[in-house]
């Protein structure tokens, strides 16, 4: 069973300094039929204008992943971490028992385009933490590259939930297949480009929920980038 969440159906908000699109209910956008998928709670596609950003604010009991598509993102948090992410880099923040952080666009000329992803953790009250890692294009081209996982089976970010996040870049005509265990589900988020997922044509901003499927078969129809969440 496959359900498509079309890009144009997402919630939107324009805060002048921030343009955002919400795949699931978030902030002032509420749809009782779009409250997340399995433990995946938030996918926001954000564009931050130069020299602006999210000021210091707090979170608890959430795994927060930032995937930078274009530009850079400056991160500060109450654990003492100061960092700048660039395109191709991913950060994972465990809010746990409580963390305060800010995310800003350090450029004075270029916007920052990134995906903000929230995943419900497998338990509450975890110690707050931060990780960051680069995932070069070459590692994601033509194959599903593991980005985040609850174990250390492959060099990647560690998240506290039974979720495995993969990144994939495909050229036109290329195919990549991810096998799904019968008890698992998948969410595919199209970052950019056009492709087919299990025979369905989708494009940038679209999302797909897959249940009771044996595999996720992706066929590029141009230069394409996607994220795949393998979920319990």
Protein backbone atom coordinates (compact mmCIF):
# COMPACT_ATOMS: atom_id res chain seq x y z
CA UNK A 1 0.00 0.00 0.00
CA UNK A 2 1.41 3.39 -1.02
CA UNK A 3 0.04 6.84 -0.18
CA UNK A 4 1.46 9.97 -1.82
CA UNK A 5 1.68 13.26 0.06
CA UNK A 6 1.96 15.72 -2.83
CA UNK A 7 4.23 18.74 -2.39
CA UNK A 8 1.46 21.22 -3.15
CA UNK A 9 -0.75 19.74 -0.42
CA UNK A 10 1.70 20.62 2.35
CA UNK A 11 1.10 23.37 4.87
CA UNK A 12 2.96 26.61 4.17
CA UNK A 13 4.08 29.68 6.10
CA UNK A 14 5.94 32.82 5.08
CA UNK A 15 7.64 34.62 7.96
CA UNK A 16 9.66 36.93 5.65
CA UNK A 17 12.95 35.61 7.04
CA UNK A 18 11.72 32.02 6.75
CA UNK A 19 9.69 30.26 4.07
CA UNK A 20 8.59 26.82 5.17
CA UNK A 21 6.52 23.88 3.98
CA UNK A 22 5.13 21.34 6.46
CA UNK A 23 4.62 17.73 5.38
CA UNK A 24 2.90 17.04 8.72
CA UNK A 25 1.01 19.23 11.19
CA UNK A 26 3.34 21.78 12.77
CA UNK A 27 2.98 25.12 14.58
CA UNK A 28 -0.06 26.97 13.14
CA UNK A 29 -0.64 24.35 10.46
CA UNK A 30 -2.92 21.58 11.69
CA UNK A 31 -4.44 18.68 9.79
CA UNK A 32 -5.71 15.76 11.93
CA UNK A 33 -5.00 13.43 9.00
CA UNK A 34 -1.36 14.53 8.75
CA UNK A 35 0.14 14.04 12.19
CA UNK A 36 3.21 12.05 11.11
CA UNK A 37 3.97 8.53 9.99
CA UNK A 38 4.96 5.88 12.53
CA UNK A 39 7.67 7.53 14.70
CA UNK A 40 8.35 10.18 12.04
CA UNK A 41 6.69 13.34 13.36
CA UNK A 42 8.00 16.34 11.39
CA UNK A 43 9.43 17.03 7.94
CA UNK A 44 9.74 20.76 7.31
CA UNK A 45 11.36 22.11 4.16
CA UNK A 46 12.83 25.44 5.28
CA UNK A 47 14.51 28.32 3.44
CA UNK A 48 16.23 30.81 5.78
CA UNK A 49 17.14 34.22 4.39
CA UNK A 50 20.72 35.52 4.74
CA UNK A 51 21.77 36.66 8.20
CA UNK A 52 18.61 35.39 9.92
CA UNK A 53 17.47 32.20 11.64
CA UNK A 54 15.88 30.48 14.61
CA UNK A 55 16.90 32.20 17.85
CA UNK A 56 17.63 30.27 21.04
CA UNK A 57 14.70 28.02 21.99
CA UNK A 58 14.13 24.72 23.77
CA UNK A 59 13.10 21.14 22.99
CA UNK A 60 12.56 17.96 24.98
CA UNK A 61 12.28 14.27 24.09
CA UNK A 62 12.81 14.47 20.33
CA UNK A 63 15.46 13.38 17.84
CA UNK A 64 16.01 16.40 15.58
CA UNK A 65 17.81 15.90 12.26
CA UNK A 66 18.87 18.72 9.93
CA UNK A 67 19.74 17.85 6.32
CA UNK A 68 21.34 20.77 4.49
CA UNK A 69 20.41 20.95 0.80
CA UNK A 70 21.96 24.30 -0.10
CA UNK A 71 23.96 26.91 1.78
CA UNK A 72 25.10 26.59 5.38
CA UNK A 73 23.62 26.42 8.88
CA UNK A 74 25.22 27.65 12.11
CA UNK A 75 24.28 25.61 15.18
CA UNK A 76 24.69 26.63 18.84
CA UNK A 77 23.30 24.73 21.82
CA UNK A 78 23.27 24.61 25.60
CA UNK A 79 25.70 21.65 25.71
CA UNK A 80 28.41 23.98 24.45
CA UNK A 81 28.42 22.85 20.82
CA UNK A 82 29.16 25.45 18.13
CA UNK A 83 29.17 24.19 14.55
CA UNK A 84 28.52 25.13 10.92
CA UNK A 85 26.96 22.64 8.49
CA UNK A 86 27.26 22.81 4.72
CA UNK A 87 25.39 21.04 1.92
CA UNK A 88 25.96 17.30 2.16
CA UNK A 89 26.32 17.43 5.93
CA UNK A 90 23.74 16.21 8.44
CA UNK A 91 23.31 16.94 12.13
CA UNK A 92 21.38 14.96 14.73
CA UNK A 93 20.44 16.50 18.05
CA UNK A 94 19.01 14.47 20.91
CA UNK A 95 16.82 16.87 22.86
CA UNK A 96 16.26 14.30 25.60
CA UNK A 97 15.76 15.77 29.09
CA UNK A 98 16.02 19.27 27.65
CA UNK A 99 18.23 21.30 25.31
CA UNK A 100 18.26 24.88 24.03
CA UNK A 101 19.64 25.67 20.60
CA UNK A 102 19.69 28.17 17.76
CA UNK A 103 20.03 27.65 13.99
CA UNK A 104 21.09 30.57 11.78
CA UNK A 105 22.14 31.25 8.22
CA UNK A 106 25.69 32.63 8.56
CA UNK A 107 25.79 33.95 4.98
CA UNK A 108 25.05 37.60 4.20
CA UNK A 109 24.16 36.86 0.58
CA UNK A 110 22.90 33.27 0.10
CA UNK A 111 19.79 31.56 1.52
CA UNK A 112 19.97 28.30 3.47
CA UNK A 113 17.75 25.48 2.22
CA UNK A 114 17.39 22.46 4.50
CA UNK A 115 15.05 19.78 5.81
CA UNK A 116 14.16 19.81 9.49
CA UNK A 117 13.15 16.31 10.64
CA UNK A 118 11.78 15.24 14.02
CA UNK A 119 11.61 11.62 15.15
CA UNK A 120 9.97 10.50 18.40
CA UNK A 121 12.60 8.76 20.58
CA UNK A 122 12.21 5.25 21.97
CA UNK A 123 12.33 6.59 25.53
CA UNK A 124 12.10 9.89 27.39
CA UNK A 125 14.68 11.69 29.49
CA UNK A 126 17.77 10.82 27.46
CA UNK A 127 20.92 12.88 28.02
CA UNK A 128 21.02 15.74 25.47
CA UNK A 129 23.56 15.26 22.69
CA UNK A 130 24.77 16.42 19.29
CA UNK A 131 26.35 14.69 16.29
CA UNK A 132 27.39 15.87 12.84
CA UNK A 133 28.70 13.98 9.82
CA UNK A 134 29.45 14.53 6.14
CA UNK A 135 27.85 12.30 3.50
CA UNK A 136 29.56 13.14 0.19
CA UNK A 137 27.64 12.92 -3.07
CA UNK A 138 29.86 10.04 -4.22
CA UNK A 139 28.70 7.92 -1.25
CA UNK A 140 25.03 8.46 -2.09
CA UNK A 141 25.15 8.27 -5.86
CA UNK A 142 23.44 5.15 -7.19
CA UNK A 143 23.02 3.49 -3.78
CA UNK A 144 21.18 3.90 -0.50
CA UNK A 145 23.75 5.30 1.92
CA UNK A 146 22.93 4.84 5.61
CA UNK A 147 22.80 8.25 7.30
CA UNK A 148 21.29 7.48 10.72
CA UNK A 149 20.62 4.27 12.63
CA UNK A 150 19.98 3.04 16.20
CA UNK A 151 23.09 0.83 15.99
CA UNK A 152 26.65 1.14 14.75
CA UNK A 153 26.48 -1.30 11.86
CA UNK A 154 27.88 1.32 9.47
CA UNK A 155 29.58 4.69 10.10
CA UNK A 156 26.61 7.01 10.50
CA UNK A 157 24.72 9.14 13.00
CA UNK A 158 23.11 7.38 15.96
CA UNK A 159 19.42 7.95 16.72
CA UNK A 160 17.40 6.65 19.64
CA UNK A 161 14.59 4.97 17.71
CA UNK A 162 14.10 1.91 15.50
CA UNK A 163 14.53 3.97 12.33
CA UNK A 164 17.15 3.81 9.61
CA UNK A 165 17.57 6.86 7.41
CA UNK A 166 19.18 6.52 3.97
CA UNK A 167 20.21 9.05 1.34
CA UNK A 168 20.20 8.37 -2.41
CA UNK A 169 21.15 10.31 -5.54
CA UNK A 170 20.17 8.95 -8.95
CA UNK A 171 20.85 9.99 -12.52
CA UNK A 172 18.27 9.47 -15.25
CA UNK A 173 17.63 5.78 -15.87
CA UNK A 174 19.51 4.59 -12.78
CA UNK A 175 17.76 2.18 -10.42
CA UNK A 176 18.27 1.49 -6.72
CA UNK A 177 16.33 -0.98 -4.58
CA UNK A 178 15.85 -1.09 -0.82
CA UNK A 179 14.34 -4.32 0.50
CA UNK A 180 11.70 -4.02 3.22
CA UNK A 181 11.10 -6.63 5.91
CA UNK A 182 7.37 -7.60 6.02
CA UNK A 183 7.00 -5.94 9.42
CA UNK A 184 8.59 -2.65 8.32
CA UNK A 185 7.29 0.53 6.76
CA UNK A 186 8.98 3.24 4.71
CA UNK A 187 8.67 6.94 4.08
CA UNK A 188 10.34 8.41 1.00
CA UNK A 189 10.92 12.17 0.89
CA UNK A 190 11.86 13.55 -2.52
CA UNK A 191 14.47 16.24 -1.97
CA UNK A 192 14.75 17.26 -5.63
CA UNK A 193 14.20 16.02 -9.17
CA UNK A 194 11.78 13.46 -10.58
CA UNK A 195 11.70 9.69 -10.26
CA UNK A 196 9.50 6.63 -10.02
CA UNK A 197 8.93 4.87 -6.72
CA UNK A 198 7.41 1.42 -7.20
CA UNK A 199 6.01 2.62 -10.52
CA UNK A 200 4.58 5.92 -9.24
CA UNK A 201 5.94 9.19 -10.67
CA UNK A 202 6.89 11.76 -8.02
CA UNK A 203 8.95 14.94 -7.83
CA UNK A 204 10.62 17.38 -5.46
CA UNK A 205 8.72 17.96 -2.21
CA UNK A 206 6.53 14.87 -2.57
CA UNK A 207 6.47 12.24 0.16
CA UNK A 208 5.34 8.61 0.04
CA UNK A 209 4.19 6.33 2.86
CA UNK A 210 4.76 2.64 2.10
CA UNK A 211 3.31 -0.26 4.09
CA UNK A 212 3.05 -3.95 3.21
CA UNK A 213 5.53 -3.47 0.36
CA UNK A 214 8.42 -5.87 -0.27
CA UNK A 215 10.78 -3.21 -1.55
CA UNK A 216 11.31 0.42 -2.42
CA UNK A 217 12.37 0.56 -6.07
CA UNK A 218 13.59 3.97 -7.21
CA UNK A 219 14.20 4.82 -10.89
CA UNK A 220 15.70 8.22 -11.72
CA UNK A 221 14.02 10.44 -14.31
CA UNK A 222 16.71 13.12 -14.29
CA UNK A 223 19.09 14.09 -11.48
CA UNK A 224 17.21 13.11 -8.34
CA UNK A 225 17.83 13.10 -4.60
CA UNK A 226 15.71 11.36 -1.96
CA UNK A 227 15.71 10.41 1.71
CA UNK A 228 14.30 7.03 2.75
CA UNK A 229 13.14 6.24 6.30
CA UNK A 230 12.90 2.52 7.14
CA UNK A 231 10.51 2.46 10.13
CA UNK A 232 9.15 -0.06 12.63
